[in-house]
């Protein structure tokens, strides 16, 4: 097993993970809005 004696909690740079999460949340929120709009359009067209 690896020796992790030099590990200190809170020292890891997480900017890349935060940017990835922000992009993921942007994609999911825009996707949800798109799906809702499509469903509303389909309900109006099929009357």
PDB file of N, CA and C in Angstrom:
ATOM      1  N   UNK A   1       0.816  -1.186   0.000  1.00  0.00           N
ATOM      2  CA  UNK A   1       0.000   0.000   0.000  1.00  0.00           C
ATOM      3  C   UNK A   1       0.859   1.248   0.000  1.00  0.00           C
ATOM      4  N   UNK A   2       0.313   2.293  -0.580  1.00  0.00           N
ATOM      5  CA  UNK A   2       1.042   3.552  -0.649  1.00  0.00           C
ATOM      6  C   UNK A   2       1.040   4.241   0.715  1.00  0.00           C
ATOM      7  N   UNK A   3       2.112   4.956   0.972  1.00  0.00           N
ATOM      8  CA  UNK A   3       2.226   5.703   2.209  1.00  0.00           C
ATOM      9  C   UNK A   3       1.625   7.093   2.010  1.00  0.00           C
ATOM     10  N   UNK A   4       0.581   7.395   2.750  1.00  0.00           N
ATOM     11  CA  UNK A   4      -0.100   8.683   2.608  1.00  0.00           C
ATOM     12  C   UNK A   4       0.162   9.586   3.810  1.00  0.00           C
ATOM     13  N   UNK A   5       1.328   9.460   4.412  1.00  0.00           N
ATOM     14  CA  UNK A   5       1.627  10.230   5.615  1.00  0.00           C
ATOM     15  C   UNK A   5       1.769  11.731   5.331  1.00  0.00           C
ATOM     16  N   UNK A   6       2.008  12.113   4.060  1.00  0.00           N
ATOM     17  CA  UNK A   6       2.166  13.529   3.734  1.00  0.00           C
ATOM     18  C   UNK A   6       0.845  14.173   3.303  1.00  0.00           C
ATOM     19  N   UNK A   7      -0.247  13.433   3.349  1.00  0.00           N
ATOM     20  CA  UNK A   7      -1.553  13.963   2.954  1.00  0.00           C
ATOM     21  C   UNK A   7      -2.105  14.900   4.017  1.00  0.00           C
ATOM     22  N   UNK A   8      -2.571  16.060   3.565  1.00  0.00           N
ATOM     23  CA  UNK A   8      -3.202  17.015   4.467  1.00  0.00           C
ATOM     24  C   UNK A   8      -4.563  17.389   3.873  1.00  0.00           C
ATOM     25  N   UNK A   9      -5.654  17.123   4.586  1.00  0.00           N
ATOM     26  CA  UNK A   9      -6.985  17.435   4.066  1.00  0.00           C
ATOM     27  C   UNK A   9      -7.125  18.923   3.713  1.00  0.00           C
ATOM     28  N   UNK A  10      -7.781  19.198   2.592  1.00  0.00           N
ATOM     29  CA  UNK A  10      -8.030  20.570   2.180  1.00  0.00           C
ATOM     30  C   UNK A  10      -6.944  21.184   1.323  1.00  0.00           C
ATOM     31  N   UNK A  11      -5.898  20.442   0.976  1.00  0.00           N
ATOM     32  CA  UNK A  11      -4.799  21.002   0.186  1.00  0.00           C
ATOM     33  C   UNK A  11      -4.917  20.714  -1.311  1.00  0.00           C
ATOM     34  N   UNK A  12      -5.891  19.891  -1.704  1.00  0.00           N
ATOM     35  CA  UNK A  12      -6.007  19.512  -3.110  1.00  0.00           C
ATOM     36  C   UNK A  12      -6.632  20.653  -3.920  1.00  0.00           C
ATOM     37  N   UNK A  13      -6.087  20.911  -5.101  1.00  0.00           N
ATOM     38  CA  UNK A  13      -6.642  21.919  -6.006  1.00  0.00           C
ATOM     39  C   UNK A  13      -7.838  21.302  -6.724  1.00  0.00           C
ATOM     40  N   UNK A  14      -9.023  21.836  -6.495  1.00  0.00           N
ATOM     41  CA  UNK A  14     -10.231  21.243  -7.073  1.00  0.00           C
ATOM     42  C   UNK A  14     -10.881  22.144  -8.121  1.00  0.00           C
ATOM     43  N   UNK A  15     -10.131  23.083  -8.669  1.00  0.00           N
ATOM     44  CA  UNK A  15     -10.703  23.997  -9.666  1.00  0.00           C
ATOM     45  C   UNK A  15     -11.213  23.253 -10.891  1.00  0.00           C
ATOM     46  N   UNK A  16     -10.494  22.228 -11.331  1.00  0.00           N
ATOM     47  CA  UNK A  16     -10.913  21.480 -12.516  1.00  0.00           C
ATOM     48  C   UNK A  16     -12.222  20.744 -12.230  1.00  0.00           C
ATOM     49  N   UNK A  17     -12.326  20.119 -11.052  1.00  0.00           N
ATOM     50  CA  UNK A  17     -13.554  19.413 -10.695  1.00  0.00           C
ATOM     51  C   UNK A  17     -14.724  20.381 -10.566  1.00  0.00           C
ATOM     52  N   UNK A  18     -14.487  21.567 -10.001  1.00  0.00           N
ATOM     53  CA  UNK A  18     -15.555  22.560  -9.870  1.00  0.00           C
ATOM     54  C   UNK A  18     -16.023  23.038 -11.242  1.00  0.00           C
ATOM     55  N   UNK A  19     -15.097  23.248 -12.177  1.00  0.00           N
ATOM     56  CA  UNK A  19     -15.468  23.676 -13.521  1.00  0.00           C
ATOM     57  C   UNK A  19     -16.262  22.577 -14.233  1.00  0.00           C
ATOM     58  N   UNK A  20     -15.839  21.332 -14.064  1.00  0.00           N
ATOM     59  CA  UNK A  20     -16.563  20.213 -14.670  1.00  0.00           C
ATOM     60  C   UNK A  20     -17.978  20.129 -14.119  1.00  0.00           C
ATOM     61  N   UNK A  21     -18.120  20.281 -12.807  1.00  0.00           N
ATOM     62  CA  UNK A  21     -19.450  20.240 -12.189  1.00  0.00           C
ATOM     63  C   UNK A  21     -20.309  21.397 -12.668  1.00  0.00           C
ATOM     64  N   UNK A  22     -19.737  22.592 -12.774  1.00  0.00           N
ATOM     65  CA  UNK A  22     -20.491  23.741 -13.276  1.00  0.00           C
ATOM     66  C   UNK A  22     -20.978  23.498 -14.700  1.00  0.00           C
ATOM     67  N   UNK A  23     -20.109  22.955 -15.544  1.00  0.00           N
ATOM     68  CA  UNK A  23     -20.504  22.656 -16.925  1.00  0.00           C
ATOM     69  C   UNK A  23     -21.588  21.589 -16.969  1.00  0.00           C
ATOM     70  N   UNK A  24     -21.461  20.573 -16.118  1.00  0.00           N
ATOM     71  CA  UNK A  24     -22.469  19.512 -16.057  1.00  0.00           C
ATOM     72  C   UNK A  24     -23.821  20.080 -15.638  1.00  0.00           C
ATOM     73  N   UNK A  25     -23.837  20.932 -14.618  1.00  0.00           N
ATOM     74  CA  UNK A  25     -25.098  21.523 -14.144  1.00  0.00           C
ATOM     75  C   UNK A  25     -25.701  22.435 -15.209  1.00  0.00           C
ATOM     76  N   UNK A  26     -24.871  23.177 -15.941  1.00  0.00           N
ATOM     77  CA  UNK A  26     -25.374  24.023 -17.027  1.00  0.00           C
ATOM     78  C   UNK A  26     -26.050  23.152 -18.085  1.00  0.00           C
ATOM     79  N   UNK A  27     -25.380  22.057 -18.480  1.00  0.00           N
ATOM     80  CA  UNK A  27     -25.918  21.153 -19.494  1.00  0.00           C
ATOM     81  C   UNK A  27     -27.231  20.523 -19.040  1.00  0.00           C
ATOM     82  N   UNK A  28     -27.296  20.062 -17.811  1.00  0.00           N
ATOM     83  CA  UNK A  28     -28.503  19.413 -17.294  1.00  0.00           C
ATOM     84  C   UNK A  28     -29.657  20.403 -17.212  1.00  0.00           C
ATOM     85  N   UNK A  29     -29.391  21.612 -16.727  1.00  0.00           N
ATOM     86  CA  UNK A  29     -30.475  22.585 -16.601  1.00  0.00           C
ATOM     87  C   UNK A  29     -30.995  23.005 -17.970  1.00  0.00           C
ATOM     88  N   UNK A  30     -30.107  23.239 -18.918  1.00  0.00           N
ATOM     89  CA  UNK A  30     -30.553  23.608 -20.270  1.00  0.00           C
ATOM     90  C   UNK A  30     -31.273  22.439 -20.932  1.00  0.00           C
ATOM     91  N   UNK A  31     -30.812  21.243 -20.703  1.00  0.00           N
ATOM     92  CA  UNK A  31     -31.479  20.063 -21.255  1.00  0.00           C
ATOM     93  C   UNK A  31     -32.878  19.887 -20.703  1.00  0.00           C
ATOM     94  N   UNK A  32     -33.046  20.134 -19.402  1.00  0.00           N
ATOM     95  CA  UNK A  32     -34.369  20.021 -18.786  1.00  0.00           C
ATOM     96  C   UNK A  32     -35.323  21.056 -19.363  1.00  0.00           C
ATOM     97  N   UNK A  33     -34.854  22.279 -19.530  1.00  0.00           N
ATOM     98  CA  UNK A  33     -35.691  23.328 -20.123  1.00  0.00           C
ATOM     99  C   UNK A  33     -36.066  22.950 -21.551  1.00  0.00           C
ATOM    100  N   UNK A  34     -35.136  22.429 -22.306  1.00  0.00           N
ATOM    101  CA  UNK A  34     -35.412  22.018 -23.686  1.00  0.00           C
ATOM    102  C   UNK A  34     -36.473  20.918 -23.730  1.00  0.00           C
ATOM    103  N   UNK A  35     -36.339  19.918 -22.872  1.00  0.00           N
ATOM    104  CA  UNK A  35     -37.311  18.817 -22.840  1.00  0.00           C
ATOM    105  C   UNK A  35     -38.695  19.339 -22.468  1.00  0.00           C
ATOM    106  N   UNK A  36     -38.777  20.221 -21.495  1.00  0.00           N
ATOM    107  CA  UNK A  36     -40.070  20.792 -21.088  1.00  0.00           C
ATOM    108  C   UNK A  36     -40.690  21.582 -22.242  1.00  0.00           C
ATOM    109  N   UNK A  37     -39.869  22.363 -22.932  1.00  0.00           N
ATOM    110  CA  UNK A  37     -40.376  23.127 -24.086  1.00  0.00           C
ATOM    111  C   UNK A  37     -40.888  22.202 -25.180  1.00  0.00           C
ATOM    112  N   UNK A  38     -40.170  21.137 -25.444  1.00  0.00           N
ATOM    113  CA  UNK A  38     -40.610  20.175 -26.467  1.00  0.00           C
ATOM    114  C   UNK A  38     -41.930  19.536 -26.067  1.00  0.00           C
ATOM    115  N   UNK A  39     -42.063  19.160 -24.793  1.00  0.00           N
ATOM    116  CA  UNK A  39     -43.321  18.561 -24.335  1.00  0.00           C
ATOM    117  C   UNK A  39     -44.481  19.538 -24.430  1.00  0.00           C
ATOM    118  N   UNK A  40     -44.256  20.794 -24.097  1.00  0.00           N
ATOM    119  CA  UNK A  40     -45.309  21.808 -24.217  1.00  0.00           C
ATOM    120  C   UNK A  40     -45.690  21.997 -25.680  1.00  0.00           C
ATOM    121  N   UNK A  41     -44.692  22.066 -26.550  1.00  0.00           N
ATOM    122  CA  UNK A  41     -44.966  22.195 -27.996  1.00  0.00           C
ATOM    123  C   UNK A  41     -45.775  21.017 -28.512  1.00  0.00           C
ATOM    124  N   UNK A  42     -45.410  19.813 -28.094  1.00  0.00           N
ATOM    125  CA  UNK A  42     -46.146  18.621 -28.545  1.00  0.00           C
ATOM    126  C   UNK A  42     -47.582  18.640 -28.023  1.00  0.00           C
ATOM    127  N   UNK A  43     -47.789  19.126 -26.807  1.00  0.00           N
ATOM    128  CA  UNK A  43     -49.145  19.190 -26.260  1.00  0.00           C
ATOM    129  C   UNK A  43     -49.984  20.204 -27.030  1.00  0.00           C
ATOM    130  N   UNK A  44     -49.392  21.326 -27.431  1.00  0.00           N
ATOM    131  CA  UNK A  44     -50.122  22.358 -28.170  1.00  0.00           C
ATOM    132  C   UNK A  44     -50.459  21.874 -29.584  1.00  0.00           C
ATOM    133  N   UNK A  45     -49.501  21.251 -30.241  1.00  0.00           N
ATOM    134  CA  UNK A  45     -49.701  20.810 -31.624  1.00  0.00           C
ATOM    135  C   UNK A  45     -50.727  19.693 -31.711  1.00  0.00           C
ATOM    136  N   UNK A  46     -50.669  18.749 -30.770  1.00  0.00           N
ATOM    137  CA  UNK A  46     -51.589  17.611 -30.818  1.00  0.00           C
ATOM    138  C   UNK A  46     -52.963  17.941 -30.272  1.00  0.00           C
ATOM    139  N   UNK A  47     -53.083  19.119 -29.643  1.00  0.00           N
ATOM    140  CA  UNK A  47     -54.316  19.679 -29.132  1.00  0.00           C
ATOM    141  C   UNK A  47     -55.237  18.716 -28.519  1.00  0.00           C
TER     142      UNK A  47
END
